[in-house]
Full PDB file with SEQRES, HELIX, SHEET, SSBOND, CRYST1, ORIGX, SCALE, CONECT and MASTER records, all heavy atoms in Angstrom:
SEQRES   1 A   39  ILE ALA GLU TYR GLN ARG GLN GLY PHE LEU THR ALA ILE          
SEQRES   2 A   39  ASP ASP PHE GLY ALA GLY TYR ALA GLY LEU ASN LEU LEU          
SEQRES   3 A   39  ALA SER PHE THR PRO ASP ILE VAL LYS ILE ASP MET GLY          
HELIX    1 AA1 ALA A    2  GLN A    7  1                                   6    
HELIX    2 AA2 LEU A   23  SER A   28  1                                   6    
SHEET    1 AA1 2 ALA A  12  PHE A  16  0                                        
SHEET    2 AA1 2 ILE A  33  ILE A  36  1                                        
CRYST1    1.000    1.000    1.000  90.00  90.00  90.00 P 1           1          
ORIGX1      1.000000  0.000000  0.000000        0.00000                         
ORIGX2      0.000000  1.000000  0.000000        0.00000                         
ORIGX3      0.000000  0.000000  1.000000        0.00000                         
SCALE1      1.000000  0.000000  0.000000        0.00000                         
SCALE2      0.000000  1.000000  0.000000        0.00000                         
SCALE3      0.000000  0.000000  1.000000        0.00000                         
ATOM      1  N   ILE A   1      13.649  -3.901   6.980  1.00  0.00           N  
ATOM      2  CA  ILE A   1      13.060  -2.798   6.212  1.00  0.00           C  
ATOM      3  C   ILE A   1      13.804  -1.488   6.509  1.00  0.00           C  
ATOM      4  O   ILE A   1      14.083  -0.779   5.538  1.00  0.00           O  
ATOM      5  CB  ILE A   1      11.527  -2.656   6.555  1.00  0.00           C  
ATOM      6  CG1 ILE A   1      10.764  -3.901   6.138  1.00  0.00           C  
ATOM      7  CG2 ILE A   1      10.929  -1.444   5.813  1.00  0.00           C  
ATOM      8  CD1 ILE A   1      10.925  -4.323   4.751  1.00  0.00           C  
ATOM      9  N   ALA A   2      14.110  -1.268   7.741  1.00  0.00           N  
ATOM     10  CA  ALA A   2      14.820  -0.002   8.114  1.00  0.00           C  
ATOM     11  C   ALA A   2      16.206  -0.002   7.455  1.00  0.00           C  
ATOM     12  O   ALA A   2      16.597   1.078   6.930  1.00  0.00           O  
ATOM     13  CB  ALA A   2      15.014   0.062   9.678  1.00  0.00           C  
ATOM     14  N   GLU A   3      16.938  -1.099   7.386  1.00  0.00           N  
ATOM     15  CA  GLU A   3      18.214  -1.152   6.753  1.00  0.00           C  
ATOM     16  C   GLU A   3      18.068  -0.949   5.239  1.00  0.00           C  
ATOM     17  O   GLU A   3      18.899  -0.177   4.610  1.00  0.00           O  
ATOM     18  CB  GLU A   3      18.885  -2.497   7.049  1.00  0.00           C  
ATOM     19  CG  GLU A   3      20.266  -2.686   6.320  1.00  0.00           C  
ATOM     20  CD  GLU A   3      21.321  -1.602   6.744  1.00  0.00           C  
ATOM     21  OE1 GLU A   3      21.160  -1.017   7.877  1.00  0.00           O  
ATOM     22  OE2 GLU A   3      22.269  -1.398   6.030  1.00  0.00           O  
ATOM     23  N   TYR A   4      17.120  -1.601   4.636  1.00  0.00           N  
ATOM     24  CA  TYR A   4      16.895  -1.400   3.148  1.00  0.00           C  
ATOM     25  C   TYR A   4      16.601   0.034   2.879  1.00  0.00           C  
ATOM     26  O   TYR A   4      17.135   0.566   1.798  1.00  0.00           O  
ATOM     27  CB  TYR A   4      15.806  -2.329   2.625  1.00  0.00           C  
ATOM     28  CG  TYR A   4      16.216  -3.798   2.589  1.00  0.00           C  
ATOM     29  CD1 TYR A   4      17.436  -4.229   3.092  1.00  0.00           C  
ATOM     30  CD2 TYR A   4      15.418  -4.734   2.026  1.00  0.00           C  
ATOM     31  CE1 TYR A   4      17.836  -5.519   3.057  1.00  0.00           C  
ATOM     32  CE2 TYR A   4      15.804  -6.090   1.955  1.00  0.00           C  
ATOM     33  CZ  TYR A   4      16.994  -6.494   2.472  1.00  0.00           C  
ATOM     34  OH  TYR A   4      17.376  -7.804   2.303  1.00  0.00           O  
ATOM     35  N   GLN A   5      15.750   0.662   3.669  1.00  0.00           N  
ATOM     36  CA  GLN A   5      15.394   2.088   3.354  1.00  0.00           C  
ATOM     37  C   GLN A   5      16.640   2.947   3.595  1.00  0.00           C  
ATOM     38  O   GLN A   5      16.841   3.900   2.897  1.00  0.00           O  
ATOM     39  CB  GLN A   5      14.248   2.461   4.250  1.00  0.00           C  
ATOM     40  CG  GLN A   5      12.897   1.807   3.766  1.00  0.00           C  
ATOM     41  CD  GLN A   5      11.734   2.186   4.671  1.00  0.00           C  
ATOM     42  OE1 GLN A   5      11.960   2.517   5.951  1.00  0.00           O  
ATOM     43  NE2 GLN A   5      10.507   2.132   4.141  1.00  0.00           N  
ATOM     44  N   ARG A   6      17.395   2.557   4.594  1.00  0.00           N  
ATOM     45  CA  ARG A   6      18.643   3.347   4.859  1.00  0.00           C  
ATOM     46  C   ARG A   6      19.683   3.324   3.661  1.00  0.00           C  
ATOM     47  O   ARG A   6      20.259   4.238   3.349  1.00  0.00           O  
ATOM     48  CB  ARG A   6      19.319   2.864   6.116  1.00  0.00           C  
ATOM     49  CG  ARG A   6      20.485   3.682   6.650  1.00  0.00           C  
ATOM     50  CD  ARG A   6      21.229   3.028   7.818  1.00  0.00           C  
ATOM     51  NE  ARG A   6      21.994   1.924   7.292  1.00  0.00           N  
ATOM     52  CZ  ARG A   6      23.258   1.934   6.746  1.00  0.00           C  
ATOM     53  NH1 ARG A   6      23.778   3.151   6.591  1.00  0.00           N  
ATOM     54  NH2 ARG A   6      23.889   0.879   6.383  1.00  0.00           N  
ATOM     55  N   GLN A   7      19.665   2.123   2.946  1.00  0.00           N  
ATOM     56  CA  GLN A   7      20.543   1.913   1.812  1.00  0.00           C  
ATOM     57  C   GLN A   7      20.026   2.642   0.597  1.00  0.00           C  
ATOM     58  O   GLN A   7      20.747   2.788  -0.412  1.00  0.00           O  
ATOM     59  CB  GLN A   7      20.677   0.442   1.542  1.00  0.00           C  
ATOM     60  CG  GLN A   7      21.373  -0.368   2.600  1.00  0.00           C  
ATOM     61  CD  GLN A   7      22.888  -0.231   2.506  1.00  0.00           C  
ATOM     62  OE1 GLN A   7      23.420   0.475   1.660  1.00  0.00           O  
ATOM     63  NE2 GLN A   7      23.610  -0.901   3.371  1.00  0.00           N  
ATOM     64  N   GLY A   8      18.757   3.145   0.598  1.00  0.00           N  
ATOM     65  CA  GLY A   8      18.200   3.827  -0.488  1.00  0.00           C  
ATOM     66  C   GLY A   8      17.226   3.012  -1.309  1.00  0.00           C  
ATOM     67  O   GLY A   8      16.703   3.529  -2.356  1.00  0.00           O  
ATOM     68  N   PHE A   9      16.932   1.750  -0.935  1.00  0.00           N  
ATOM     69  CA  PHE A   9      15.958   0.937  -1.675  1.00  0.00           C  
ATOM     70  C   PHE A   9      14.534   1.403  -1.313  1.00  0.00           C  
ATOM     71  O   PHE A   9      14.302   1.965  -0.262  1.00  0.00           O  
ATOM     72  CB  PHE A   9      16.110  -0.556  -1.249  1.00  0.00           C  
ATOM     73  CG  PHE A   9      17.402  -1.104  -1.488  1.00  0.00           C  
ATOM     74  CD1 PHE A   9      18.167  -1.569  -0.451  1.00  0.00           C  
ATOM     75  CD2 PHE A   9      17.954  -1.289  -2.818  1.00  0.00           C  
ATOM     76  CE1 PHE A   9      19.426  -2.152  -0.696  1.00  0.00           C  
ATOM     77  CE2 PHE A   9      19.170  -1.847  -3.069  1.00  0.00           C  
ATOM     78  CZ  PHE A   9      19.900  -2.254  -1.990  1.00  0.00           C  
ATOM     79  N   LEU A  10      13.603   1.184  -2.310  1.00  0.00           N  
ATOM     80  CA  LEU A  10      12.211   1.244  -1.994  1.00  0.00           C  
ATOM     81  C   LEU A  10      11.789  -0.068  -1.390  1.00  0.00           C  
ATOM     82  O   LEU A  10      12.396  -1.141  -1.593  1.00  0.00           O  
ATOM     83  CB  LEU A  10      11.436   1.459  -3.275  1.00  0.00           C  
ATOM     84  CG  LEU A  10      11.664   2.805  -4.093  1.00  0.00           C  
ATOM     85  CD1 LEU A  10      10.936   2.775  -5.419  1.00  0.00           C  
ATOM     86  CD2 LEU A  10      11.224   4.018  -3.233  1.00  0.00           C  
ATOM     87  N   THR A  11      10.670  -0.064  -0.589  1.00  0.00           N  
ATOM     88  CA  THR A  11      10.170  -1.255   0.010  1.00  0.00           C  
ATOM     89  C   THR A  11       8.663  -1.349  -0.276  1.00  0.00           C  
ATOM     90  O   THR A  11       7.955  -0.344  -0.312  1.00  0.00           O  
ATOM     91  CB  THR A  11      10.447  -1.309   1.502  1.00  0.00           C  
ATOM     92  OG1 THR A  11       9.838  -0.204   2.087  1.00  0.00           O  
ATOM     93  CG2 THR A  11      11.986  -1.313   1.766  1.00  0.00           C  
ATOM     94  N   ALA A  12       8.161  -2.624  -0.317  1.00  0.00           N  
ATOM     95  CA  ALA A  12       6.764  -2.793  -0.532  1.00  0.00           C  
ATOM     96  C   ALA A  12       6.253  -4.056   0.183  1.00  0.00           C  
ATOM     97  O   ALA A  12       6.940  -5.040   0.268  1.00  0.00           O  
ATOM     98  CB  ALA A  12       6.530  -2.973  -2.084  1.00  0.00           C  
ATOM     99  N   ILE A  13       5.019  -3.968   0.603  1.00  0.00           N  
ATOM    100  CA  ILE A  13       4.208  -5.175   1.107  1.00  0.00           C  
ATOM    101  C   ILE A  13       3.528  -5.759  -0.085  1.00  0.00           C  
ATOM    102  O   ILE A  13       2.637  -5.087  -0.647  1.00  0.00           O  
ATOM    103  CB  ILE A  13       3.281  -4.822   2.253  1.00  0.00           C  
ATOM    104  CG1 ILE A  13       3.933  -4.185   3.422  1.00  0.00           C  
ATOM    105  CG2 ILE A  13       2.528  -6.089   2.672  1.00  0.00           C  
ATOM    106  CD1 ILE A  13       3.008  -3.763   4.532  1.00  0.00           C  
ATOM    107  N   ASP A  14       3.793  -6.935  -0.456  1.00  0.00           N  
ATOM    108  CA  ASP A  14       3.089  -7.579  -1.576  1.00  0.00           C  
ATOM    109  C   ASP A  14       1.845  -8.405  -1.011  1.00  0.00           C  
ATOM    110  O   ASP A  14       1.814  -8.761   0.159  1.00  0.00           O  
ATOM    111  CB  ASP A  14       4.075  -8.624  -2.213  1.00  0.00           C  
ATOM    112  CG  ASP A  14       3.603  -9.106  -3.576  1.00  0.00           C  
ATOM    113  OD1 ASP A  14       2.569  -8.533  -4.082  1.00  0.00           O  
ATOM    114  OD2 ASP A  14       4.248  -9.995  -4.090  1.00  0.00           O  
ATOM    115  N   ASP A  15       0.931  -8.559  -1.877  1.00  0.00           N  
ATOM    116  CA  ASP A  15      -0.303  -9.471  -1.556  1.00  0.00           C  
ATOM    117  C   ASP A  15      -1.043  -8.888  -0.276  1.00  0.00           C  
ATOM    118  O   ASP A  15      -1.491  -9.751   0.482  1.00  0.00           O  
ATOM    119  CB  ASP A  15       0.121 -10.915  -1.445  1.00  0.00           C  
ATOM    120  CG  ASP A  15       0.777 -11.492  -2.603  1.00  0.00           C  
ATOM    121  OD1 ASP A  15       0.371 -11.051  -3.760  1.00  0.00           O  
ATOM    122  OD2 ASP A  15       1.621 -12.403  -2.413  1.00  0.00           O  
ATOM    123  N   PHE A  16      -1.096  -7.626  -0.164  1.00  0.00           N  
ATOM    124  CA  PHE A  16      -1.694  -7.089   1.072  1.00  0.00           C  
ATOM    125  C   PHE A  16      -3.204  -7.449   1.031  1.00  0.00           C  
ATOM    126  O   PHE A  16      -3.940  -7.240   0.095  1.00  0.00           O  
ATOM    127  CB  PHE A  16      -1.582  -5.519   1.098  1.00  0.00           C  
ATOM    128  CG  PHE A  16      -2.020  -4.900   2.355  1.00  0.00           C  
ATOM    129  CD1 PHE A  16      -1.136  -4.875   3.452  1.00  0.00           C  
ATOM    130  CD2 PHE A  16      -3.285  -4.370   2.559  1.00  0.00           C  
ATOM    131  CE1 PHE A  16      -1.543  -4.342   4.688  1.00  0.00           C  
ATOM    132  CE2 PHE A  16      -3.666  -3.851   3.771  1.00  0.00           C  
ATOM    133  CZ  PHE A  16      -2.821  -3.851   4.823  1.00  0.00           C  
ATOM    134  N   GLY A  17      -3.641  -8.040   2.206  1.00  0.00           N  
ATOM    135  CA  GLY A  17      -4.991  -8.402   2.369  1.00  0.00           C  
ATOM    136  C   GLY A  17      -5.164  -9.877   2.227  1.00  0.00           C  
ATOM    137  O   GLY A  17      -6.269 -10.469   2.370  1.00  0.00           O  
ATOM    138  N   ALA A  18      -4.061 -10.679   1.926  1.00  0.00           N  
ATOM    139  CA  ALA A  18      -4.144 -12.095   1.691  1.00  0.00           C  
ATOM    140  C   ALA A  18      -3.327 -12.878   2.696  1.00  0.00           C  
ATOM    141  O   ALA A  18      -3.315 -14.106   2.626  1.00  0.00           O  
ATOM    142  CB  ALA A  18      -3.722 -12.443   0.269  1.00  0.00           C  
ATOM    143  N   GLY A  19      -2.703 -12.295   3.653  1.00  0.00           N  
ATOM    144  CA  GLY A  19      -1.697 -12.997   4.441  1.00  0.00           C  
ATOM    145  C   GLY A  19      -2.021 -12.969   5.902  1.00  0.00           C  
ATOM    146  O   GLY A  19      -3.155 -12.890   6.356  1.00  0.00           O  
ATOM    147  N   TYR A  20      -0.950 -13.029   6.719  1.00  0.00           N  
ATOM    148  CA  TYR A  20      -1.062 -13.312   8.156  1.00  0.00           C  
ATOM    149  C   TYR A  20      -1.294 -12.010   8.964  1.00  0.00           C  
ATOM    150  O   TYR A  20      -1.935 -12.004   9.971  1.00  0.00           O  
ATOM    151  CB  TYR A  20       0.173 -13.933   8.649  1.00  0.00           C  
ATOM    152  CG  TYR A  20       0.364 -15.410   8.183  1.00  0.00           C  
ATOM    153  CD1 TYR A  20       1.315 -15.678   7.162  1.00  0.00           C  
ATOM    154  CD2 TYR A  20      -0.386 -16.391   8.655  1.00  0.00           C  
ATOM    155  CE1 TYR A  20       1.485 -16.983   6.769  1.00  0.00           C  
ATOM    156  CE2 TYR A  20      -0.218 -17.745   8.256  1.00  0.00           C  
ATOM    157  CZ  TYR A  20       0.703 -17.966   7.218  1.00  0.00           C  
ATOM    158  OH  TYR A  20       0.871 -19.228   6.769  1.00  0.00           O  
ATOM    159  N   ALA A  21      -0.714 -10.921   8.540  1.00  0.00           N  
ATOM    160  CA  ALA A  21      -0.557  -9.771   9.417  1.00  0.00           C  
ATOM    161  C   ALA A  21      -1.558  -8.685   9.152  1.00  0.00           C  
ATOM    162  O   ALA A  21      -2.059  -8.068  10.019  1.00  0.00           O  
ATOM    163  CB  ALA A  21       0.853  -9.216   9.386  1.00  0.00           C  
ATOM    164  N   GLY A  22      -1.878  -8.383   7.919  1.00  0.00           N  
ATOM    165  CA  GLY A  22      -2.829  -7.328   7.563  1.00  0.00           C  
ATOM    166  C   GLY A  22      -2.453  -6.010   8.166  1.00  0.00           C  
ATOM    167  O   GLY A  22      -1.320  -5.500   8.053  1.00  0.00           O  
ATOM    168  N   LEU A  23      -3.410  -5.313   8.717  1.00  0.00           N  
ATOM    169  CA  LEU A  23      -3.140  -3.934   9.173  1.00  0.00           C  
ATOM    170  C   LEU A  23      -2.146  -3.882  10.306  1.00  0.00           C  
ATOM    171  O   LEU A  23      -1.485  -2.840  10.498  1.00  0.00           O  
ATOM    172  CB  LEU A  23      -4.439  -3.319   9.646  1.00  0.00           C  
ATOM    173  CG  LEU A  23      -5.474  -2.991   8.525  1.00  0.00           C  
ATOM    174  CD1 LEU A  23      -6.792  -2.503   9.104  1.00  0.00           C  
ATOM    175  CD2 LEU A  23      -4.888  -2.003   7.483  1.00  0.00           C  
ATOM    176  N   ASN A  24      -2.063  -4.910  11.071  1.00  0.00           N  
ATOM    177  CA  ASN A  24      -1.039  -4.987  12.210  1.00  0.00           C  
ATOM    178  C   ASN A  24       0.408  -4.801  11.582  1.00  0.00           C  
ATOM    179  O   ASN A  24       1.255  -4.127  12.158  1.00  0.00           O  
ATOM    180  CB  ASN A  24      -1.135  -6.299  12.950  1.00  0.00           C  
ATOM    181  CG  ASN A  24      -2.258  -6.296  13.828  1.00  0.00           C  
ATOM    182  OD1 ASN A  24      -2.780  -5.254  14.308  1.00  0.00           O  
ATOM    183  ND2 ASN A  24      -2.758  -7.475  14.194  1.00  0.00           N  
ATOM    184  N   LEU A  25       0.631  -5.416  10.429  1.00  0.00           N  
ATOM    185  CA  LEU A  25       1.921  -5.370   9.776  1.00  0.00           C  
ATOM    186  C   LEU A  25       2.174  -3.923   9.320  1.00  0.00           C  
ATOM    187  O   LEU A  25       3.273  -3.400   9.450  1.00  0.00           O  
ATOM    188  CB  LEU A  25       1.960  -6.291   8.613  1.00  0.00           C  
ATOM    189  CG  LEU A  25       3.301  -6.427   7.850  1.00  0.00           C  
ATOM    190  CD1 LEU A  25       4.345  -6.897   8.770  1.00  0.00           C  
ATOM    191  CD2 LEU A  25       3.141  -7.368   6.664  1.00  0.00           C  
ATOM    192  N   LEU A  26       1.147  -3.314   8.760  1.00  0.00           N  
ATOM    193  CA  LEU A  26       1.250  -1.909   8.301  1.00  0.00           C  
ATOM    194  C   LEU A  26       1.566  -0.971   9.426  1.00  0.00           C  
ATOM    195  O   LEU A  26       2.164   0.073   9.273  1.00  0.00           O  
ATOM    196  CB  LEU A  26      -0.008  -1.499   7.440  1.00  0.00           C  
ATOM    197  CG  LEU A  26       0.024  -0.198   6.776  1.00  0.00           C  
ATOM    198  CD1 LEU A  26       1.125  -0.250   5.697  1.00  0.00           C  
ATOM    199  CD2 LEU A  26      -1.295   0.024   6.058  1.00  0.00           C  
ATOM    200  N   ALA A  27       0.948  -1.245  10.546  1.00  0.00           N  
ATOM    201  CA  ALA A  27       1.192  -0.394  11.779  1.00  0.00           C  
ATOM    202  C   ALA A  27       2.662  -0.503  12.339  1.00  0.00           C  
ATOM    203  O   ALA A  27       3.074   0.376  13.061  1.00  0.00           O  
ATOM    204  CB  ALA A  27       0.210  -0.802  12.809  1.00  0.00           C  
ATOM    205  N   SER A  28       3.306  -1.625  12.013  1.00  0.00           N  
ATOM    206  CA  SER A  28       4.638  -1.795  12.519  1.00  0.00           C  
ATOM    207  C   SER A  28       5.709  -0.985  11.849  1.00  0.00           C  
ATOM    208  O   SER A  28       6.714  -0.607  12.401  1.00  0.00           O  
ATOM    209  CB  SER A  28       5.013  -3.361  12.450  1.00  0.00           C  
ATOM    210  OG  SER A  28       4.088  -4.073  13.171  1.00  0.00           O  
ATOM    211  N   PHE A  29       5.544  -0.717  10.605  1.00  0.00           N  
ATOM    212  CA  PHE A  29       6.483   0.080   9.838  1.00  0.00           C  
ATOM    213  C   PHE A  29       5.778   0.726   8.634  1.00  0.00           C  
ATOM    214  O   PHE A  29       4.609   0.250   8.267  1.00  0.00           O  
ATOM    215  CB  PHE A  29       7.714  -0.734   9.368  1.00  0.00           C  
ATOM    216  CG  PHE A  29       7.361  -1.772   8.314  1.00  0.00           C  
ATOM    217  CD1 PHE A  29       7.491  -1.447   6.960  1.00  0.00           C  
ATOM    218  CD2 PHE A  29       6.892  -2.983   8.706  1.00  0.00           C  
ATOM    219  CE1 PHE A  29       7.188  -2.338   5.990  1.00  0.00           C  
ATOM    220  CE2 PHE A  29       6.610  -3.952   7.732  1.00  0.00           C  
ATOM    221  CZ  PHE A  29       6.756  -3.605   6.388  1.00  0.00           C  
ATOM    222  N   THR A  30       6.403   1.668   7.943  1.00  0.00           N  
ATOM    223  CA  THR A  30       5.830   2.341   6.816  1.00  0.00           C  
ATOM    224  C   THR A  30       6.574   2.027   5.535  1.00  0.00           C  
ATOM    225  O   THR A  30       7.672   2.582   5.349  1.00  0.00           O  
ATOM    226  CB  THR A  30       5.788   3.939   7.054  1.00  0.00           C  
ATOM    227  OG1 THR A  30       5.144   4.140   8.309  1.00  0.00           O  
ATOM    228  CG2 THR A  30       5.078   4.579   5.899  1.00  0.00           C  
ATOM    229  N   PRO A  31       6.094   1.130   4.731  1.00  0.00           N  
ATOM    230  CA  PRO A  31       6.781   0.848   3.450  1.00  0.00           C  
ATOM    231  C   PRO A  31       6.542   2.052   2.476  1.00  0.00           C  
ATOM    232  O   PRO A  31       5.670   2.855   2.732  1.00  0.00           O  
ATOM    233  CB  PRO A  31       6.154  -0.429   2.983  1.00  0.00           C  
ATOM    234  CG  PRO A  31       4.721  -0.351   3.543  1.00  0.00           C  
ATOM    235  CD  PRO A  31       4.824   0.386   4.882  1.00  0.00           C  
ATOM    236  N   ASP A  32       7.157   1.993   1.304  1.00  0.00           N  
ATOM    237  CA  ASP A  32       6.909   2.981   0.310  1.00  0.00           C  
ATOM    238  C   ASP A  32       5.657   2.626  -0.498  1.00  0.00           C  
ATOM    239  O   ASP A  32       4.979   3.567  -0.993  1.00  0.00           O  
ATOM    240  CB  ASP A  32       8.052   3.043  -0.670  1.00  0.00           C  
ATOM    241  CG  ASP A  32       9.342   3.532   0.055  1.00  0.00           C  
ATOM    242  OD1 ASP A  32       9.471   4.689   0.425  1.00  0.00           O  
ATOM    243  OD2 ASP A  32      10.221   2.656   0.298  1.00  0.00           O  
ATOM    244  N   ILE A  33       5.384   1.295  -0.594  1.00  0.00           N  
ATOM    245  CA  ILE A  33       4.330   0.867  -1.517  1.00  0.00           C  
ATOM    246  C   ILE A  33       3.503  -0.257  -0.791  1.00  0.00           C  
ATOM    247  O   ILE A  33       4.103  -1.131  -0.175  1.00  0.00           O  
ATOM    248  CB  ILE A  33       4.830   0.345  -2.843  1.00  0.00           C  
ATOM    249  CG1 ILE A  33       5.572   1.465  -3.551  1.00  0.00           C  
ATOM    250  CG2 ILE A  33       3.739  -0.239  -3.749  1.00  0.00           C  
ATOM    251  CD1 ILE A  33       6.540   0.902  -4.662  1.00  0.00           C  
ATOM    252  N   VAL A  34       2.209  -0.278  -1.009  1.00  0.00           N  
ATOM    253  CA  VAL A  34       1.424  -1.416  -0.615  1.00  0.00           C  
ATOM    254  C   VAL A  34       0.727  -1.964  -1.869  1.00  0.00           C  
ATOM    255  O   VAL A  34       0.087  -1.230  -2.607  1.00  0.00           O  
ATOM    256  CB  VAL A  34       0.262  -1.041   0.424  1.00  0.00           C  
ATOM    257  CG1 VAL A  34      -0.844  -2.089   0.476  1.00  0.00           C  
ATOM    258  CG2 VAL A  34       0.870  -0.820   1.820  1.00  0.00           C  
ATOM    259  N   LYS A  35       0.883  -3.355  -2.139  1.00  0.00           N  
ATOM    260  CA  LYS A  35       0.334  -3.973  -3.224  1.00  0.00           C  
ATOM    261  C   LYS A  35      -0.974  -4.698  -2.814  1.00  0.00           C  
ATOM    262  O   LYS A  35      -0.925  -5.609  -2.113  1.00  0.00           O  
ATOM    263  CB  LYS A  35       1.341  -4.929  -3.856  1.00  0.00           C  
ATOM    264  CG  LYS A  35       2.610  -4.314  -4.428  1.00  0.00           C  
ATOM    265  CD  LYS A  35       3.467  -5.295  -5.133  1.00  0.00           C  
ATOM    266  CE  LYS A  35       2.864  -5.819  -6.456  1.00  0.00           C  
ATOM    267  NZ  LYS A  35       3.830  -6.702  -7.199  1.00  0.00           N  
ATOM    268  N   ILE A  36      -2.053  -4.220  -3.387  1.00  0.00           N  
ATOM    269  CA  ILE A  36      -3.386  -4.790  -3.068  1.00  0.00           C  
ATOM    270  C   ILE A  36      -3.417  -6.163  -3.710  1.00  0.00           C  
ATOM    271  O   ILE A  36      -3.278  -6.284  -4.983  1.00  0.00           O  
ATOM    272  CB  ILE A  36      -4.548  -3.929  -3.522  1.00  0.00           C  
ATOM    273  CG1 ILE A  36      -4.393  -2.488  -2.936  1.00  0.00           C  
ATOM    274  CG2 ILE A  36      -5.830  -4.536  -3.190  1.00  0.00           C  
ATOM    275  CD1 ILE A  36      -4.580  -2.429  -1.439  1.00  0.00           C  
ATOM    276  N   ASP A  37      -3.765  -7.159  -2.904  1.00  0.00           N  
ATOM    277  CA  ASP A  37      -3.808  -8.562  -3.469  1.00  0.00           C  
ATOM    278  C   ASP A  37      -4.836  -8.701  -4.590  1.00  0.00           C  
ATOM    279  O   ASP A  37      -5.934  -8.092  -4.527  1.00  0.00           O  
ATOM    280  CB  ASP A  37      -4.148  -9.551  -2.341  1.00  0.00           C  
ATOM    281  CG  ASP A  37      -4.153 -10.986  -2.813  1.00  0.00           C  
ATOM    282  OD1 ASP A  37      -3.119 -11.484  -3.174  1.00  0.00           O  
ATOM    283  OD2 ASP A  37      -5.252 -11.540  -2.864  1.00  0.00           O  
ATOM    284  N   MET A  38      -4.552  -9.575  -5.544  1.00  0.00           N  
ATOM    285  CA  MET A  38      -5.461  -9.694  -6.676  1.00  0.00           C  
ATOM    286  C   MET A  38      -6.858 -10.285  -6.242  1.00  0.00           C  
ATOM    287  O   MET A  38      -7.819 -10.144  -6.984  1.00  0.00           O  
ATOM    288  CB  MET A  38      -4.843 -10.561  -7.711  1.00  0.00           C  
ATOM    289  CG  MET A  38      -4.608 -12.017  -7.345  1.00  0.00           C  
ATOM    290  SD  MET A  38      -3.906 -12.963  -8.795  1.00  0.00           S  
ATOM    291  CE  MET A  38      -2.381 -12.126  -9.039  1.00  0.00           C  
ATOM    292  N   GLY A  39      -6.820 -10.985  -5.100  1.00  0.00           N  
ATOM    293  CA  GLY A  39      -8.128 -11.482  -4.626  1.00  0.00           C  
ATOM    294  C   GLY A  39      -9.127 -10.408  -4.304  1.00  0.00           C  
ATOM    295  O   GLY A  39     -10.328 -10.535  -4.388  1.00  0.00           O  
TER     296      GLY A  39                                                      
MASTER        0    0    0    2    2    0    0    6  295    1    0    3          
END                                                                             
């Protein structure tokens, strides 16, 4: 994520709320976008 942001890309967590990491993942780094899972 750090390298992608350094290159100028946007970054996003997809399906937030449906996976393994949840808020712990969000605490590890700051993406540009969080996608709320359709569930």
